[in-house]
C-alpha atoms as a PDB file:
ATOM      1  CA  MET A   1     110.231  96.906  96.966  1.00  0.00           C
ATOM      2  CA  PHE A   2     110.242  95.550  93.471  1.00  0.00           C
ATOM      3  CA  GLY A   3     113.633  93.426  93.697  1.00  0.00           C
ATOM      4  CA  ILE A   4     115.203  96.569  91.855  1.00  0.00           C
ATOM      5  CA  GLY A   5     118.331  97.168  93.128  1.00  0.00           C
ATOM      6  CA  VAL A   6     120.880  99.767  92.999  1.00  0.00           C
ATOM      7  CA  PRO A   7     122.794  98.361  89.478  1.00  0.00           C
ATOM      8  CA  GLU A   8     119.084  97.877  87.503  1.00  0.00           C
ATOM      9  CA  LEU A   9     117.673 101.179  88.813  1.00  0.00           C
ATOM     10  CA  LEU A  10     120.730 103.113  87.220  1.00  0.00           C
ATOM     11  CA  VAL A  11     120.202 101.096  83.601  1.00  0.00           C
ATOM     12  CA  ILE A  12     116.707 101.759  84.152  1.00  0.00           C
ATOM     13  CA  LEU A  13     117.809 105.836  83.981  1.00  0.00           C
ATOM     14  CA  VAL A  14     119.831 105.671  81.339  1.00  0.00           C
ATOM     15  CA  VAL A  15     117.743 103.768  79.034  1.00  0.00           C
ATOM     16  CA  ALA A  16     115.173 106.682  79.820  1.00  0.00           C
ATOM     17  CA  LEU A  17     117.604 109.417  79.475  1.00  0.00           C
ATOM     18  CA  LEU A  18     118.684 108.219  75.846  1.00  0.00           C
ATOM     19  CA  VAL A  19     114.921 107.499  75.201  1.00  0.00           C
ATOM     20  CA  LEU A  20     113.751 110.651  76.218  1.00  0.00           C
ATOM     21  CA  GLY A  21     116.533 113.275  75.671  1.00  0.00           C
ATOM     22  CA  PRO A  22     117.926 115.370  78.860  1.00  0.00           C
ATOM     23  CA  GLN A  23     114.944 117.845  77.856  1.00  0.00           C
ATOM     24  CA  ARG A  24     111.716 115.679  78.746  1.00  0.00           C
ATOM     25  CA  LEU A  25     113.512 112.828  80.954  1.00  0.00           C
ATOM     26  CA  PRO A  26     112.126 115.670  84.029  1.00  0.00           C
ATOM     27  CA  GLU A  27     108.839 116.542  82.720  1.00  0.00           C
ATOM     28  CA  VAL A  28     108.179 112.704  82.565  1.00  0.00           C
ATOM     29  CA  ALA A  29     109.428 111.645  85.884  1.00  0.00           C
ATOM     30  CA  LYS A  30     107.505 114.782  87.876  1.00  0.00           C
ATOM     31  CA  ALA A  31     104.582 113.456  85.714  1.00  0.00           C
ATOM     32  CA  LEU A  32     105.029 110.117  86.553  1.00  0.00           C
ATOM     33  CA  GLY A  33     105.710 111.257  90.487  1.00  0.00           C
ATOM     34  CA  LYS A  34     102.580 113.083  90.269  1.00  0.00           C
ATOM     35  CA  ALA A  35     101.005 109.904  89.039  1.00  0.00           C
ATOM     36  CA  LEU A  36     102.156 107.741  92.196  1.00  0.00           C
ATOM     37  CA  ALA A  37     101.173 110.331  94.601  1.00  0.00           C
ATOM     38  CA  GLU A  38      97.772 110.331  93.086  1.00  0.00           C
ATOM     39  CA  PHE A  39      97.253 106.682  93.278  1.00  0.00           C
ATOM     40  CA  ARG A  40      98.958 106.308  96.494  1.00  0.00           C
ATOM     41  CA  ARG A  41      96.353 108.813  97.783  1.00  0.00           C
ATOM     42  CA  ALA A  42      93.511 107.165  96.048  1.00  0.00           C
ATOM     43  CA  THR A  43      94.669 103.660  97.600  1.00  0.00           C
ATOM     44  CA  SER A  44      95.185 105.061 100.942  1.00  0.00           C
ATOM     45  CA  ASP A  45      91.222 106.720 101.054  1.00  0.00           C
ATOM     46  CA  LEU A  46      90.249 103.408  99.378  1.00  0.00           C
ATOM     47  CA  SER A  47      91.711 100.709 102.248  1.00  0.00           C
ATOM     48  CA  GLU A  48      90.418 103.820 105.102  1.00  0.00           C
ATOM     49  CA  ASP A  49      86.875 102.806 103.710  1.00  0.00           C
ATOM     50  CA  LEU A  50      87.315  99.437 103.491  1.00  0.00           C
ATOM     51  CA  GLY A  51      88.198  99.682 107.357  1.00  0.00           C
ATOM     52  CA  ASN A  52      84.931 101.668 108.638  1.00  0.00           C
ATOM     53  CA  ALA A  53      83.255  99.386 106.574  1.00  0.00           C
ATOM     54  CA  LYS A  54      84.977  96.216 108.323  1.00  0.00           C
ATOM     55  CA  ILE A  55      84.199  98.519 111.875  1.00  0.00           C
ATOM     56  CA  MET A  56      80.819  99.300 110.734  1.00  0.00           C
ATOM     57  CA  LEU A  57      80.146  95.281 109.984  1.00  0.00           C
ATOM     58  CA  GLU A  58      81.604  94.286 113.382  1.00  0.00           C
ATOM     59  CA  GLU A  59      79.179  96.556 115.078  1.00  0.00           C
ATOM     60  CA  GLU A  60      76.027  95.543 113.669  1.00  0.00           C
ATOM     61  CA  VAL A  61      77.088  91.979 113.902  1.00  0.00           C
ATOM     62  CA  ARG A  62      77.324  92.962 117.934  1.00  0.00           C
ATOM     63  CA  GLN A  63      74.651  94.562 117.776  1.00  0.00           C
ATOM     64  CA  ALA A  64      72.631  91.472 116.414  1.00  0.00           C
ATOM     65  CA  GLU A  65      74.216  89.054 118.652  1.00  0.00           C
ATOM     66  CA  ARG A  66      72.846  91.102 121.320  1.00  0.00           C
ATOM     67  CA  LYS A  67      69.322  91.994 120.741  1.00  0.00           C
ATOM     68  CA  ALA A  68      69.628  87.257 119.916  1.00  0.00           C
ATOM     69  CA  ARG A  69      70.704  86.751 123.753  1.00  0.00           C
ATOM     70  CA  ALA A  70      68.257  89.291 124.821  1.00  0.00           C
ATOM     71  CA  ALA A  71      65.312  87.725 122.913  1.00  0.00           C
ATOM     72  CA  GLN A  72      66.447  84.025 124.097  1.00  0.00           C
ATOM     73  CA  PRO A  73      65.455  84.042 127.452  1.00  0.00           C
ATOM     74  CA  GLN A  74      61.941  85.295 126.463  1.00  0.00           C
ATOM     75  CA  ALA A  75      61.594  82.176 123.389  1.00  0.00           C
ATOM     76  CA  THR A  76      62.219  79.965 126.596  1.00  0.00           C
ATOM     77  CA  PRO A  77      59.327  79.448 129.180  1.00  0.00           C
ATOM     78  CA  PRO A  78      60.160  79.921 132.537  1.00  0.00           C
ATOM     79  CA  ALA A  79      59.626  76.441 134.954  1.00  0.00           C
ATOM     80  CA  THR A  80      56.637  76.455 136.602  1.00  0.00           C
ATOM     81  CA  ILE A  81      56.079  75.629 140.447  1.00  0.00           C
ATOM     82  CA  ALA A  82      53.763  72.615 139.428  1.00  0.00           C
ATOM     83  CA  SER A  83      56.262  71.289 137.187  1.00  0.00           C
ATOM     84  CA  ALA A  84      58.834  71.397 140.209  1.00  0.00           C
ATOM     85  CA  PRO A  85      57.467  67.939 142.312  1.00  0.00           C
ATOM     86  CA  GLN A  86      56.929  66.031 138.911  1.00  0.00           C
ATOM     87  CA  GLU A  87      60.666  66.963 138.023  1.00  0.00           C
ATOM     88  CA  LYS A  88      61.628  65.381 141.694  1.00  0.00           C
ATOM     89  CA  GLN A  89      59.698  62.332 141.226  1.00  0.00           C
ATOM     90  CA  GLU A  90      61.332  61.528 137.541  1.00  0.00           C
ATOM     91  CA  GLU A  91      65.028  62.232 139.227  1.00  0.00           C
ATOM     92  CA  GLN A  92      63.769  59.665 142.086  1.00  0.00           C
ATOM     93  CA  GLU A  93      63.025  57.286 139.599  1.00  0.00           C
ATOM     94  CA  LYS A  94      66.102  57.607 138.141  1.00  0.00           C
ATOM     95  CA  GLN A  95      68.259  56.807 141.232  1.00  0.00           C
ATOM     96  CA  GLU A  96      66.078  53.697 142.301  1.00  0.00           C
ATOM     97  CA  LYS A  97      67.121  52.342 138.191  1.00  0.00           C
ATOM     98  CA  LYS A  98      70.345  53.008 138.896  1.00  0.00           C
ATOM     99  CA  GLU A  99      70.642  51.229 142.824  1.00  0.00           C
ATOM    100  CA  THR A 100      69.198  48.054 141.623  1.00  0.00           C
ATOM    101  CA  PRO A 101      71.110  45.506 139.806  1.00  0.00           C
ATOM    102  CA  PRO A 102      70.254  44.242 136.381  1.00  0.00           C
ATOM    103  CA  GLY A 103      67.981  41.265 136.595  1.00  0.00           C
ATOM    104  CA  ASP A 104      66.489  42.147 139.780  1.00  0.00           C
ATOM    105  CA  SER A 105      62.715  42.725 139.104  1.00  0.00           C
ATOM    106  CA  GLN A 106      60.029  43.875 141.829  1.00  0.00           C
END
């Protein structure tokens, strides 16, 4: 956990027993245990709140992406029928340019 092994823990307990005395040591240990339990409860609540906030933010991002995708086709105008022959003509001109070798002028 914190790199504290059994020998170190025994030394800490002996020092605490000498400093606090046999009557006060159980009271201090009980208070310390309650404080640690409250700390764990608070940190778990905080991590749960952060997890919920993360989930909510991810959902908002997904909804914004969906709206952006839905609005994207509306932003580009649909191809008109009149532009189709012009596109064919441009493609034919490109093909002709590819077929004629450079230096051959017509």
